[in-house]
């Protein structure tokens, strides 16, 4: 008969038997030294240089991951082998014996038998959605009047929540941005960055030269002066006339109030651009699409993620125009 095999599950209740931290030689073997003061010998996987596989030298990870998973992806060994090495105290993290299930991330120094494994971590960029808000939706999560909200049409996030970048009035349509990153949302809305908002405005009537000059030089509103950075005539038929207007702030109903101050009525208002992001023509009302990571990084002032070219196919799929059925509140 075969001798009974030793089962790991038969460990004592205190679980200290297989813990790397409790091994008397753990700190030594983790640093590449075994009993007798000799340097530990280690197997060299295929393609390794100095005990570290060639794949490890340029490996890049998007976020902290479990130690076994990272090292296995680098070709150091299988996950089972790596678990055995962790138990044997042959792997250290930041000078201390590693633990099973431990996660490693940016700033962590991982050694295998005393040999530093070069790892590169990049920060996953935030997500940004472009949404074509139709008239008749409110930019709020909770409305006492029970009106439809823009958040009912957005995809569900596993972590965090969507933050609206600015607002659009109930009767205003057009481009509305959402992000899952509060810092980016603040960057896009803060007045010091002076991101231009561009609107297509339909008026009942036309502007004369004096009115155009007043709107561009500044009009006094109840909450302070306001002016358009640019105002161009887009033509029209009958009583309706279209204009393109840009301004570098986003106060409540500011565009409508500026025209109303001159006795003019805005019959339709649509935002077509926010900063460098213009609403694509294929983005119809009630539809959303995700901004590619490279564009998000440029918007947030972050370096472009590595592997963006190889990942172009996935980014193209993410950037498709989509429509989500409204999730009605209970």
C-alpha atoms as a PDB file:
ATOM      1  CA  UNK A   1       0.000   0.000   0.000  1.00  0.00           C
ATOM      2  CA  UNK A   2       1.072   3.530  -0.691  1.00  0.00           C
ATOM      3  CA  UNK A   3       1.899   5.650   2.326  1.00  0.00           C
ATOM      4  CA  UNK A   4      -0.833   8.170   2.993  1.00  0.00           C
ATOM      5  CA  UNK A   5      -0.205  11.500   1.274  1.00  0.00           C
ATOM      6  CA  UNK A   6       0.039  14.578   3.373  1.00  0.00           C
ATOM      7  CA  UNK A   7      -2.996  16.764   2.971  1.00  0.00           C
ATOM      8  CA  UNK A   8      -2.638  20.507   3.369  1.00  0.00           C
ATOM      9  CA  UNK A   9      -6.069  20.717   4.906  1.00  0.00           C
ATOM     10  CA  UNK A  10      -4.774  18.711   7.900  1.00  0.00           C
ATOM     11  CA  UNK A  11      -2.935  21.795   9.193  1.00  0.00           C
ATOM     12  CA  UNK A  12      -3.432  22.621  12.877  1.00  0.00           C
ATOM     13  CA  UNK A  13      -6.065  25.121  13.862  1.00  0.00           C
ATOM     14  CA  UNK A  14      -3.549  27.864  14.607  1.00  0.00           C
ATOM     15  CA  UNK A  15      -2.537  27.819  10.884  1.00  0.00           C
ATOM     16  CA  UNK A  16       0.980  28.813  11.870  1.00  0.00           C
ATOM     17  CA  UNK A  17       2.633  25.708  10.569  1.00  0.00           C
ATOM     18  CA  UNK A  18       2.674  26.699   6.904  1.00  0.00           C
ATOM     19  CA  UNK A  19       2.799  30.452   7.445  1.00  0.00           C
ATOM     20  CA  UNK A  20       5.928  31.984   5.875  1.00  0.00           C
ATOM     21  CA  UNK A  21       6.137  34.522   8.650  1.00  0.00           C
ATOM     22  CA  UNK A  22       6.560  31.788  11.313  1.00  0.00           C
ATOM     23  CA  UNK A  23       9.310  29.870   9.547  1.00  0.00           C
ATOM     24  CA  UNK A  24      12.619  30.456  11.344  1.00  0.00           C
ATOM     25  CA  UNK A  25      14.490  30.682   8.049  1.00  0.00           C
ATOM     26  CA  UNK A  26      11.777  32.490   6.111  1.00  0.00           C
ATOM     27  CA  UNK A  27      13.449  35.881   6.130  1.00  0.00           C
ATOM     28  CA  UNK A  28      16.704  34.332   4.989  1.00  0.00           C
ATOM     29  CA  UNK A  29      15.422  32.214   2.116  1.00  0.00           C
ATOM     30  CA  UNK A  30      13.171  35.040   0.945  1.00  0.00           C
ATOM     31  CA  UNK A  31      16.292  37.140   0.518  1.00  0.00           C
ATOM     32  CA  UNK A  32      18.079  34.354  -1.307  1.00  0.00           C
ATOM     33  CA  UNK A  33      20.022  32.823   1.603  1.00  0.00           C
ATOM     34  CA  UNK A  34      19.533  29.332   3.026  1.00  0.00           C
ATOM     35  CA  UNK A  35      21.014  27.527   6.039  1.00  0.00           C
ATOM     36  CA  UNK A  36      24.779  27.644   6.216  1.00  0.00           C
ATOM     37  CA  UNK A  37      24.964  31.133   4.736  1.00  0.00           C
ATOM     38  CA  UNK A  38      24.933  29.883   1.121  1.00  0.00           C
ATOM     39  CA  UNK A  39      23.103  31.563  -1.685  1.00  0.00           C
ATOM     40  CA  UNK A  40      19.959  29.662  -2.654  1.00  0.00           C
ATOM     41  CA  UNK A  41      19.936  27.936  -5.999  1.00  0.00           C
ATOM     42  CA  UNK A  42      16.864  28.372  -8.066  1.00  0.00           C
ATOM     43  CA  UNK A  43      15.573  26.935 -11.305  1.00  0.00           C
ATOM     44  CA  UNK A  44      15.726  29.211 -14.299  1.00  0.00           C
ATOM     45  CA  UNK A  45      12.579  29.181 -16.395  1.00  0.00           C
ATOM     46  CA  UNK A  46      12.962  29.235 -20.205  1.00  0.00           C
ATOM     47  CA  UNK A  47      14.061  32.622 -21.509  1.00  0.00           C
ATOM     48  CA  UNK A  48      15.211  33.766 -18.079  1.00  0.00           C
ATOM     49  CA  UNK A  49      18.139  36.055 -17.490  1.00  0.00           C
ATOM     50  CA  UNK A  50      19.605  36.000 -14.017  1.00  0.00           C
ATOM     51  CA  UNK A  51      16.649  33.927 -12.770  1.00  0.00           C
ATOM     52  CA  UNK A  52      14.002  36.405 -14.008  1.00  0.00           C
ATOM     53  CA  UNK A  53      12.125  35.526 -17.237  1.00  0.00           C
ATOM     54  CA  UNK A  54      12.498  37.886 -20.171  1.00  0.00           C
ATOM     55  CA  UNK A  55       8.740  38.469 -20.088  1.00  0.00           C
ATOM     56  CA  UNK A  56       9.056  40.070 -16.661  1.00  0.00           C
ATOM     57  CA  UNK A  57      11.318  42.850 -17.820  1.00  0.00           C
ATOM     58  CA  UNK A  58       8.632  44.751 -19.737  1.00  0.00           C
ATOM     59  CA  UNK A  59       5.516  43.455 -18.014  1.00  0.00           C
ATOM     60  CA  UNK A  60       2.847  46.034 -17.307  1.00  0.00           C
ATOM     61  CA  UNK A  61      -0.211  45.590 -15.096  1.00  0.00           C
ATOM     62  CA  UNK A  62      -3.179  47.917 -14.899  1.00  0.00           C
ATOM     63  CA  UNK A  63      -3.915  47.579 -11.178  1.00  0.00           C
ATOM     64  CA  UNK A  64      -2.888  45.628  -8.058  1.00  0.00           C
ATOM     65  CA  UNK A  65      -3.282  41.872  -8.472  1.00  0.00           C
ATOM     66  CA  UNK A  66      -2.691  38.743  -6.405  1.00  0.00           C
ATOM     67  CA  UNK A  67       0.964  37.818  -6.176  1.00  0.00           C
ATOM     68  CA  UNK A  68       0.476  34.326  -7.628  1.00  0.00           C
ATOM     69  CA  UNK A  69      -1.407  35.674 -10.638  1.00  0.00           C
ATOM     70  CA  UNK A  70       1.180  38.344 -11.448  1.00  0.00           C
ATOM     71  CA  UNK A  71       4.170  36.016 -11.197  1.00  0.00           C
ATOM     72  CA  UNK A  72       2.419  33.278 -13.162  1.00  0.00           C
ATOM     73  CA  UNK A  73       1.663  35.736 -15.981  1.00  0.00           C
ATOM     74  CA  UNK A  74       5.329  36.660 -16.034  1.00  0.00           C
ATOM     75  CA  UNK A  75       6.327  33.026 -16.576  1.00  0.00           C
ATOM     76  CA  UNK A  76       8.066  32.604 -13.224  1.00  0.00           C
ATOM     77  CA  UNK A  77       6.113  29.411 -12.651  1.00  0.00           C
ATOM     78  CA  UNK A  78       2.619  28.025 -12.355  1.00  0.00           C
ATOM     79  CA  UNK A  79       0.314  29.362  -9.671  1.00  0.00           C
ATOM     80  CA  UNK A  80       0.658  26.106  -7.724  1.00  0.00           C
ATOM     81  CA  UNK A  81       4.455  26.297  -7.872  1.00  0.00           C
ATOM     82  CA  UNK A  82       4.404  29.916  -6.777  1.00  0.00           C
ATOM     83  CA  UNK A  83       2.176  29.035  -3.821  1.00  0.00           C
ATOM     84  CA  UNK A  84       4.725  26.407  -2.791  1.00  0.00           C
ATOM     85  CA  UNK A  85       7.538  28.967  -3.083  1.00  0.00           C
ATOM     86  CA  UNK A  86       5.585  31.434  -0.971  1.00  0.00           C
ATOM     87  CA  UNK A  87       5.099  28.775   1.728  1.00  0.00           C
ATOM     88  CA  UNK A  88       8.803  27.931   1.510  1.00  0.00           C
ATOM     89  CA  UNK A  89       9.684  31.583   2.010  1.00  0.00           C
ATOM     90  CA  UNK A  90      11.431  31.952  -1.350  1.00  0.00           C
ATOM     91  CA  UNK A  91       9.437  35.052  -2.363  1.00  0.00           C
ATOM     92  CA  UNK A  92       9.559  38.379  -0.548  1.00  0.00           C
ATOM     93  CA  UNK A  93       7.588  41.597  -0.892  1.00  0.00           C
ATOM     94  CA  UNK A  94       9.263  44.761   0.311  1.00  0.00           C
ATOM     95  CA  UNK A  95      11.865  42.769   2.245  1.00  0.00           C
ATOM     96  CA  UNK A  96       9.347  40.591   4.104  1.00  0.00           C
ATOM     97  CA  UNK A  97       8.235  37.031   3.345  1.00  0.00           C
ATOM     98  CA  UNK A  98       5.218  37.003   1.043  1.00  0.00           C
ATOM     99  CA  UNK A  99       1.862  35.612   2.108  1.00  0.00           C
ATOM    100  CA  UNK A 100      -0.597  33.524   0.103  1.00  0.00           C
ATOM    101  CA  UNK A 101      -3.220  35.689  -1.546  1.00  0.00           C
ATOM    102  CA  UNK A 102      -1.224  38.863  -1.005  1.00  0.00           C
ATOM    103  CA  UNK A 103      -1.799  41.617  -3.545  1.00  0.00           C
ATOM    104  CA  UNK A 104       1.007  43.656  -5.033  1.00  0.00           C
ATOM    105  CA  UNK A 105       0.798  47.028  -6.700  1.00  0.00           C
ATOM    106  CA  UNK A 106       2.788  50.144  -7.607  1.00  0.00           C
ATOM    107  CA  UNK A 107       5.763  50.687  -5.320  1.00  0.00           C
ATOM    108  CA  UNK A 108       6.039  47.072  -4.159  1.00  0.00           C
ATOM    109  CA  UNK A 109       9.430  45.346  -4.567  1.00  0.00           C
ATOM    110  CA  UNK A 110       9.083  41.634  -5.247  1.00  0.00           C
ATOM    111  CA  UNK A 111      12.069  39.281  -5.021  1.00  0.00           C
ATOM    112  CA  UNK A 112      12.331  35.640  -6.018  1.00  0.00           C
ATOM    113  CA  UNK A 113      15.198  33.908  -4.204  1.00  0.00           C
ATOM    114  CA  UNK A 114      16.698  37.329  -3.621  1.00  0.00           C
ATOM    115  CA  UNK A 115      16.475  38.440  -7.262  1.00  0.00           C
ATOM    116  CA  UNK A 116      14.408  41.565  -7.871  1.00  0.00           C
ATOM    117  CA  UNK A 117      11.585  41.068 -10.359  1.00  0.00           C
ATOM    118  CA  UNK A 118      10.961  44.272 -12.346  1.00  0.00           C
ATOM    119  CA  UNK A 119       7.264  45.102 -12.435  1.00  0.00           C
ATOM    120  CA  UNK A 120       5.509  48.073 -13.981  1.00  0.00           C
ATOM    121  CA  UNK A 121       2.067  49.200 -12.887  1.00  0.00           C
ATOM    122  CA  UNK A 122      -0.067  51.758 -14.633  1.00  0.00           C
ATOM    123  CA  UNK A 123      -3.123  53.508 -13.284  1.00  0.00           C
ATOM    124  CA  UNK A 124      -6.302  52.561 -15.086  1.00  0.00           C
ATOM    125  CA  UNK A 125      -7.730  55.767 -16.603  1.00  0.00           C
ATOM    126  CA  UNK A 126     -11.189  56.933 -15.560  1.00  0.00           C
ATOM    127  CA  UNK A 127     -14.212  56.255 -17.734  1.00  0.00           C
ATOM    128  CA  UNK A 128     -16.109  58.973 -19.586  1.00  0.00           C
ATOM    129  CA  UNK A 129     -19.474  58.659 -21.326  1.00  0.00           C
ATOM    130  CA  UNK A 130     -20.997  60.951 -23.920  1.00  0.00           C
ATOM    131  CA  UNK A 131     -24.776  61.053 -23.671  1.00  0.00           C
ATOM    132  CA  UNK A 132     -27.218  62.822 -25.989  1.00  0.00           C
ATOM    133  CA  UNK A 133     -29.748  64.126 -23.512  1.00  0.00           C
ATOM    134  CA  UNK A 134     -33.218  64.589 -24.956  1.00  0.00           C
ATOM    135  CA  UNK A 135     -35.582  67.292 -23.762  1.00  0.00           C
ATOM    136  CA  UNK A 136     -37.793  66.133 -20.923  1.00  0.00           C
ATOM    137  CA  UNK A 137     -35.108  64.537 -18.723  1.00  0.00           C
ATOM    138  CA  UNK A 138     -33.698  66.021 -15.544  1.00  0.00           C
ATOM    139  CA  UNK A 139     -30.022  65.864 -14.536  1.00  0.00           C
ATOM    140  CA  UNK A 140     -30.649  64.545 -11.035  1.00  0.00           C
ATOM    141  CA  UNK A 141     -30.827  61.190  -9.296  1.00  0.00           C
ATOM    142  CA  UNK A 142     -33.924  62.048  -7.329  1.00  0.00           C
ATOM    143  CA  UNK A 143     -36.741  64.291  -8.509  1.00  0.00           C
ATOM    144  CA  UNK A 144     -39.713  65.009  -6.201  1.00  0.00           C
ATOM    145  CA  UNK A 145     -41.915  65.395  -9.282  1.00  0.00           C
ATOM    146  CA  UNK A 146     -40.996  61.932 -10.550  1.00  0.00           C
ATOM    147  CA  UNK A 147     -39.698  63.138 -13.921  1.00  0.00           C
ATOM    148  CA  UNK A 148     -37.377  60.899 -15.977  1.00  0.00           C
ATOM    149  CA  UNK A 149     -33.693  61.328 -15.117  1.00  0.00           C
ATOM    150  CA  UNK A 150     -30.629  60.964 -17.320  1.00  0.00           C
ATOM    151  CA  UNK A 151     -29.179  58.364 -14.933  1.00  0.00           C
ATOM    152  CA  UNK A 152     -31.935  55.887 -15.816  1.00  0.00           C
ATOM    153  CA  UNK A 153     -30.401  55.350 -19.264  1.00  0.00           C
ATOM    154  CA  UNK A 154     -26.752  54.928 -18.253  1.00  0.00           C
ATOM    155  CA  UNK A 155     -24.973  51.555 -17.970  1.00  0.00           C
ATOM    156  CA  UNK A 156     -24.595  50.167 -14.455  1.00  0.00           C
ATOM    157  CA  UNK A 157     -21.162  50.459 -12.843  1.00  0.00           C
ATOM    158  CA  UNK A 158     -19.780  47.604 -10.759  1.00  0.00           C
ATOM    159  CA  UNK A 159     -17.866  50.059  -8.587  1.00  0.00           C
ATOM    160  CA  UNK A 160     -18.566  53.715  -7.887  1.00  0.00           C
ATOM    161  CA  UNK A 161     -21.204  55.746  -9.691  1.00  0.00           C
ATOM    162  CA  UNK A 162     -21.589  58.079 -12.650  1.00  0.00           C
ATOM    163  CA  UNK A 163     -21.046  61.780 -12.003  1.00  0.00           C
ATOM    164  CA  UNK A 164     -22.623  64.327 -14.336  1.00  0.00           C
ATOM    165  CA  UNK A 165     -20.204  66.923 -15.691  1.00  0.00           C
ATOM    166  CA  UNK A 166     -22.305  70.064 -15.407  1.00  0.00           C
ATOM    167  CA  UNK A 167     -26.008  70.146 -16.064  1.00  0.00           C
ATOM    168  CA  UNK A 168     -28.525  70.756 -18.804  1.00  0.00           C
ATOM    169  CA  UNK A 169     -31.970  72.204 -18.174  1.00  0.00           C
ATOM    170  CA  UNK A 170     -35.086  70.047 -18.387  1.00  0.00           C
ATOM    171  CA  UNK A 171     -35.961  71.627 -21.763  1.00  0.00           C
ATOM    172  CA  UNK A 172     -32.384  71.648 -23.107  1.00  0.00           C
ATOM    173  CA  UNK A 173     -30.950  68.779 -25.146  1.00  0.00           C
ATOM    174  CA  UNK A 174     -27.498  67.833 -26.346  1.00  0.00           C
ATOM    175  CA  UNK A 175     -24.137  66.639 -25.124  1.00  0.00           C
ATOM    176  CA  UNK A 176     -23.844  65.643 -21.489  1.00  0.00           C
ATOM    177  CA  UNK A 177     -20.672  64.039 -20.116  1.00  0.00           C
ATOM    178  CA  UNK A 178     -20.453  61.506 -17.290  1.00  0.00           C
ATOM    179  CA  UNK A 179     -17.395  60.134 -15.506  1.00  0.00           C
ATOM    180  CA  UNK A 180     -16.713  57.758 -12.622  1.00  0.00           C
ATOM    181  CA  UNK A 181     -13.861  59.963 -11.350  1.00  0.00           C
ATOM    182  CA  UNK A 182     -14.574  62.919  -9.048  1.00  0.00           C
ATOM    183  CA  UNK A 183     -11.222  64.587  -9.711  1.00  0.00           C
ATOM    184  CA  UNK A 184     -11.808  64.566 -13.462  1.00  0.00           C
ATOM    185  CA  UNK A 185     -15.373  65.822 -13.025  1.00  0.00           C
ATOM    186  CA  UNK A 186     -14.079  68.764 -10.996  1.00  0.00           C
ATOM    187  CA  UNK A 187     -11.364  69.465 -13.572  1.00  0.00           C
ATOM    188  CA  UNK A 188     -13.944  69.620 -16.352  1.00  0.00           C
ATOM    189  CA  UNK A 189     -16.311  71.905 -14.437  1.00  0.00           C
ATOM    190  CA  UNK A 190     -13.974  74.246 -12.518  1.00  0.00           C
ATOM    191  CA  UNK A 191     -14.070  77.826 -13.873  1.00  0.00           C
ATOM    192  CA  UNK A 192     -10.279  78.189 -13.809  1.00  0.00           C
ATOM    193  CA  UNK A 193      -9.927  75.685 -16.671  1.00  0.00           C
ATOM    194  CA  UNK A 194     -12.342  77.768 -18.805  1.00  0.00           C
ATOM    195  CA  UNK A 195     -13.553  74.881 -20.949  1.00  0.00           C
ATOM    196  CA  UNK A 196     -15.770  76.200 -23.722  1.00  0.00           C
ATOM    197  CA  UNK A 197     -19.338  75.048 -24.103  1.00  0.00           C
ATOM    198  CA  UNK A 198     -20.845  75.392 -27.574  1.00  0.00           C
ATOM    199  CA  UNK A 199     -24.589  75.579 -28.182  1.00  0.00           C
ATOM    200  CA  UNK A 200     -26.900  75.537 -31.165  1.00  0.00           C
ATOM    201  CA  UNK A 201     -29.568  78.151 -30.387  1.00  0.00           C
ATOM    202  CA  UNK A 202     -32.856  78.666 -32.234  1.00  0.00           C
ATOM    203  CA  UNK A 203     -34.462  82.059 -31.687  1.00  0.00           C
ATOM    204  CA  UNK A 204     -37.846  83.467 -32.517  1.00  0.00           C
ATOM    205  CA  UNK A 205     -36.537  86.360 -34.574  1.00  0.00           C
ATOM    206  CA  UNK A 206     -33.069  87.561 -35.512  1.00  0.00           C
ATOM    207  CA  UNK A 207     -30.303  89.535 -33.838  1.00  0.00           C
ATOM    208  CA  UNK A 208     -29.146  92.903 -35.064  1.00  0.00           C
ATOM    209  CA  UNK A 209     -25.523  94.028 -34.919  1.00  0.00           C
ATOM    210  CA  UNK A 210     -26.020  95.950 -31.670  1.00  0.00           C
ATOM    211  CA  UNK A 211     -27.464  92.903 -29.918  1.00  0.00           C
ATOM    212  CA  UNK A 212     -24.654  90.672 -31.175  1.00  0.00           C
ATOM    213  CA  UNK A 213     -22.070  93.118 -29.851  1.00  0.00           C
ATOM    214  CA  UNK A 214     -23.835  93.322 -26.475  1.00  0.00           C
ATOM    215  CA  UNK A 215     -23.915  89.536 -26.109  1.00  0.00           C
ATOM    216  CA  UNK A 216     -20.207  89.283 -26.955  1.00  0.00           C
ATOM    217  CA  UNK A 217     -19.023  92.227 -24.838  1.00  0.00           C
ATOM    218  CA  UNK A 218     -21.121  91.294 -21.790  1.00  0.00           C
ATOM    219  CA  UNK A 219     -24.634  91.488 -20.375  1.00  0.00           C
ATOM    220  CA  UNK A 220     -25.389  92.098 -16.728  1.00  0.00           C
ATOM    221  CA  UNK A 221     -27.430  89.300 -15.161  1.00  0.00           C
ATOM    222  CA  UNK A 222     -28.687  88.986 -11.587  1.00  0.00           C
ATOM    223  CA  UNK A 223     -25.720  86.765 -10.684  1.00  0.00           C
ATOM    224  CA  UNK A 224     -23.083  88.851 -12.475  1.00  0.00           C
ATOM    225  CA  UNK A 225     -21.971  89.741 -16.005  1.00  0.00           C
ATOM    226  CA  UNK A 226     -22.011  87.108 -18.747  1.00  0.00           C
ATOM    227  CA  UNK A 227     -20.794  87.095 -22.331  1.00  0.00           C
ATOM    228  CA  UNK A 228     -20.399  84.806 -25.302  1.00  0.00           C
ATOM    229  CA  UNK A 229     -16.882  84.033 -26.543  1.00  0.00           C
ATOM    230  CA  UNK A 230     -18.301  83.763 -30.052  1.00  0.00           C
ATOM    231  CA  UNK A 231     -21.694  84.153 -31.703  1.00  0.00           C
ATOM    232  CA  UNK A 232     -22.276  83.248 -35.356  1.00  0.00           C
ATOM    233  CA  UNK A 233     -25.347  83.339 -37.590  1.00  0.00           C
ATOM    234  CA  UNK A 234     -26.354  79.904 -38.929  1.00  0.00           C
ATOM    235  CA  UNK A 235     -29.364  81.036 -40.956  1.00  0.00           C
ATOM    236  CA  UNK A 236     -32.953  79.888 -40.771  1.00  0.00           C
ATOM    237  CA  UNK A 237     -36.389  80.077 -42.323  1.00  0.00           C
ATOM    238  CA  UNK A 238     -39.493  81.932 -41.284  1.00  0.00           C
ATOM    239  CA  UNK A 239     -39.634  83.203 -37.715  1.00  0.00           C
ATOM    240  CA  UNK A 240     -36.947  80.802 -36.487  1.00  0.00           C
ATOM    241  CA  UNK A 241     -33.266  81.623 -36.788  1.00  0.00           C
ATOM    242  CA  UNK A 242     -30.273  79.514 -35.722  1.00  0.00           C
ATOM    243  CA  UNK A 243     -27.065  80.715 -34.060  1.00  0.00           C
ATOM    244  CA  UNK A 244     -23.927  79.052 -32.692  1.00  0.00           C
ATOM    245  CA  UNK A 245     -22.824  80.443 -29.334  1.00  0.00           C
ATOM    246  CA  UNK A 246     -19.845  79.557 -27.126  1.00  0.00           C
ATOM    247  CA  UNK A 247     -19.069  80.536 -23.546  1.00  0.00           C
ATOM    248  CA  UNK A 248     -16.498  79.469 -20.952  1.00  0.00           C
ATOM    249  CA  UNK A 249     -18.727  78.836 -17.955  1.00  0.00           C
ATOM    250  CA  UNK A 250     -21.896  76.982 -17.129  1.00  0.00           C
ATOM    251  CA  UNK A 251     -24.171  78.926 -14.802  1.00  0.00           C
ATOM    252  CA  UNK A 252     -27.805  77.929 -14.368  1.00  0.00           C
ATOM    253  CA  UNK A 253     -29.852  78.702 -17.538  1.00  0.00           C
ATOM    254  CA  UNK A 254     -27.146  81.161 -18.545  1.00  0.00           C
ATOM    255  CA  UNK A 255     -27.635  80.972 -22.320  1.00  0.00           C
ATOM    256  CA  UNK A 256     -31.404  81.401 -22.106  1.00  0.00           C
ATOM    257  CA  UNK A 257     -31.136  84.250 -19.610  1.00  0.00           C
ATOM    258  CA  UNK A 258     -28.676  86.160 -21.806  1.00  0.00           C
ATOM    259  CA  UNK A 259     -31.088  86.179 -24.744  1.00  0.00           C
ATOM    260  CA  UNK A 260     -34.069  86.869 -22.502  1.00  0.00           C
ATOM    261  CA  UNK A 261     -32.244  89.953 -21.179  1.00  0.00           C
ATOM    262  CA  UNK A 262     -32.557  91.379 -24.712  1.00  0.00           C
ATOM    263  CA  UNK A 263     -36.221  90.438 -24.977  1.00  0.00           C
ATOM    264  CA  UNK A 264     -35.586  87.411 -27.221  1.00  0.00           C
ATOM    265  CA  UNK A 265     -37.119  83.953 -26.809  1.00  0.00           C
ATOM    266  CA  UNK A 266     -35.090  80.763 -27.180  1.00  0.00           C
ATOM    267  CA  UNK A 267     -37.348  78.177 -28.840  1.00  0.00           C
ATOM    268  CA  UNK A 268     -34.738  75.415 -28.848  1.00  0.00           C
ATOM    269  CA  UNK A 269     -31.335  74.952 -27.214  1.00  0.00           C
ATOM    270  CA  UNK A 270     -28.865  72.121 -27.755  1.00  0.00           C
ATOM    271  CA  UNK A 271     -25.296  71.738 -26.500  1.00  0.00           C
ATOM    272  CA  UNK A 272     -23.053  70.382 -29.249  1.00  0.00           C
ATOM    273  CA  UNK A 273     -19.592  70.581 -27.654  1.00  0.00           C
ATOM    274  CA  UNK A 274     -18.023  70.516 -24.203  1.00  0.00           C
ATOM    275  CA  UNK A 275     -14.358  71.565 -24.192  1.00  0.00           C
ATOM    276  CA  UNK A 276     -12.530  69.477 -26.819  1.00  0.00           C
ATOM    277  CA  UNK A 277     -15.340  66.904 -27.037  1.00  0.00           C
ATOM    278  CA  UNK A 278     -17.850  67.453 -29.826  1.00  0.00           C
ATOM    279  CA  UNK A 279     -21.037  65.441 -30.013  1.00  0.00           C
ATOM    280  CA  UNK A 280     -20.781  63.022 -32.968  1.00  0.00           C
ATOM    281  CA  UNK A 281     -23.604  63.087 -35.496  1.00  0.00           C
ATOM    282  CA  UNK A 282     -24.236  59.351 -35.001  1.00  0.00           C
ATOM    283  CA  UNK A 283     -25.060  59.923 -31.327  1.00  0.00           C
ATOM    284  CA  UNK A 284     -28.830  60.297 -31.476  1.00  0.00           C
ATOM    285  CA  UNK A 285     -31.135  61.371 -28.655  1.00  0.00           C
ATOM    286  CA  UNK A 286     -31.215  59.013 -25.701  1.00  0.00           C
ATOM    287  CA  UNK A 287     -28.034  57.223 -26.828  1.00  0.00           C
ATOM    288  CA  UNK A 288     -24.613  57.051 -25.178  1.00  0.00           C
ATOM    289  CA  UNK A 289     -21.113  56.011 -26.121  1.00  0.00           C
ATOM    290  CA  UNK A 290     -17.877  55.641 -24.193  1.00  0.00           C
ATOM    291  CA  UNK A 291     -14.890  57.863 -24.887  1.00  0.00           C
ATOM    292  CA  UNK A 292     -11.719  55.932 -25.920  1.00  0.00           C
ATOM    293  CA  UNK A 293      -9.053  55.641 -23.215  1.00  0.00           C
ATOM    294  CA  UNK A 294      -6.550  57.704 -25.207  1.00  0.00           C
ATOM    295  CA  UNK A 295      -9.047  60.600 -25.392  1.00  0.00           C
ATOM    296  CA  UNK A 296      -9.855  60.257 -21.693  1.00  0.00           C
ATOM    297  CA  UNK A 297      -6.164  60.426 -20.794  1.00  0.00           C
ATOM    298  CA  UNK A 298      -5.732  63.554 -22.905  1.00  0.00           C
ATOM    299  CA  UNK A 299      -8.763  65.070 -21.213  1.00  0.00           C
ATOM    300  CA  UNK A 300      -7.500  64.222 -17.725  1.00  0.00           C
ATOM    301  CA  UNK A 301      -3.868  65.144 -18.392  1.00  0.00           C
ATOM    302  CA  UNK A 302      -2.702  61.528 -17.897  1.00  0.00           C
ATOM    303  CA  UNK A 303      -0.115  59.614 -19.931  1.00  0.00           C
ATOM    304  CA  UNK A 304      -1.621  57.409 -22.602  1.00  0.00           C
ATOM    305  CA  UNK A 305      -1.910  53.791 -21.375  1.00  0.00           C
ATOM    306  CA  UNK A 306       0.671  51.361 -22.685  1.00  0.00           C
ATOM    307  CA  UNK A 307      -0.576  48.832 -25.182  1.00  0.00           C
ATOM    308  CA  UNK A 308      -3.200  51.219 -26.521  1.00  0.00           C
ATOM    309  CA  UNK A 309      -2.422  50.287 -30.122  1.00  0.00           C
ATOM    310  CA  UNK A 310      -2.691  46.554 -29.441  1.00  0.00           C
ATOM    311  CA  UNK A 311      -5.911  47.216 -27.558  1.00  0.00           C
ATOM    312  CA  UNK A 312      -7.442  49.281 -30.363  1.00  0.00           C
ATOM    313  CA  UNK A 313      -9.996  46.594 -31.192  1.00  0.00           C
ATOM    314  CA  UNK A 314     -11.384  46.519 -27.680  1.00  0.00           C
ATOM    315  CA  UNK A 315     -11.521  50.319 -27.581  1.00  0.00           C
ATOM    316  CA  UNK A 316     -13.413  50.389 -30.866  1.00  0.00           C
ATOM    317  CA  UNK A 317     -15.999  47.998 -29.447  1.00  0.00           C
ATOM    318  CA  UNK A 318     -16.363  50.099 -26.287  1.00  0.00           C
ATOM    319  CA  UNK A 319     -16.892  53.259 -28.379  1.00  0.00           C
ATOM    320  CA  UNK A 320     -19.946  51.968 -30.203  1.00  0.00           C
ATOM    321  CA  UNK A 321     -23.134  53.962 -29.914  1.00  0.00           C
ATOM    322  CA  UNK A 322     -25.555  52.309 -27.510  1.00  0.00           C
ATOM    323  CA  UNK A 323     -29.032  52.843 -26.193  1.00  0.00           C
ATOM    324  CA  UNK A 324     -30.145  51.661 -22.773  1.00  0.00           C
ATOM    325  CA  UNK A 325     -33.809  51.257 -21.920  1.00  0.00           C
ATOM    326  CA  UNK A 326     -34.751  53.521 -18.991  1.00  0.00           C
ATOM    327  CA  UNK A 327     -34.710  51.764 -15.612  1.00  0.00           C
ATOM    328  CA  UNK A 328     -37.942  52.931 -14.062  1.00  0.00           C
ATOM    329  CA  UNK A 329     -37.862  53.685 -10.354  1.00  0.00           C
ATOM    330  CA  UNK A 330     -39.893  51.442  -8.120  1.00  0.00           C
END
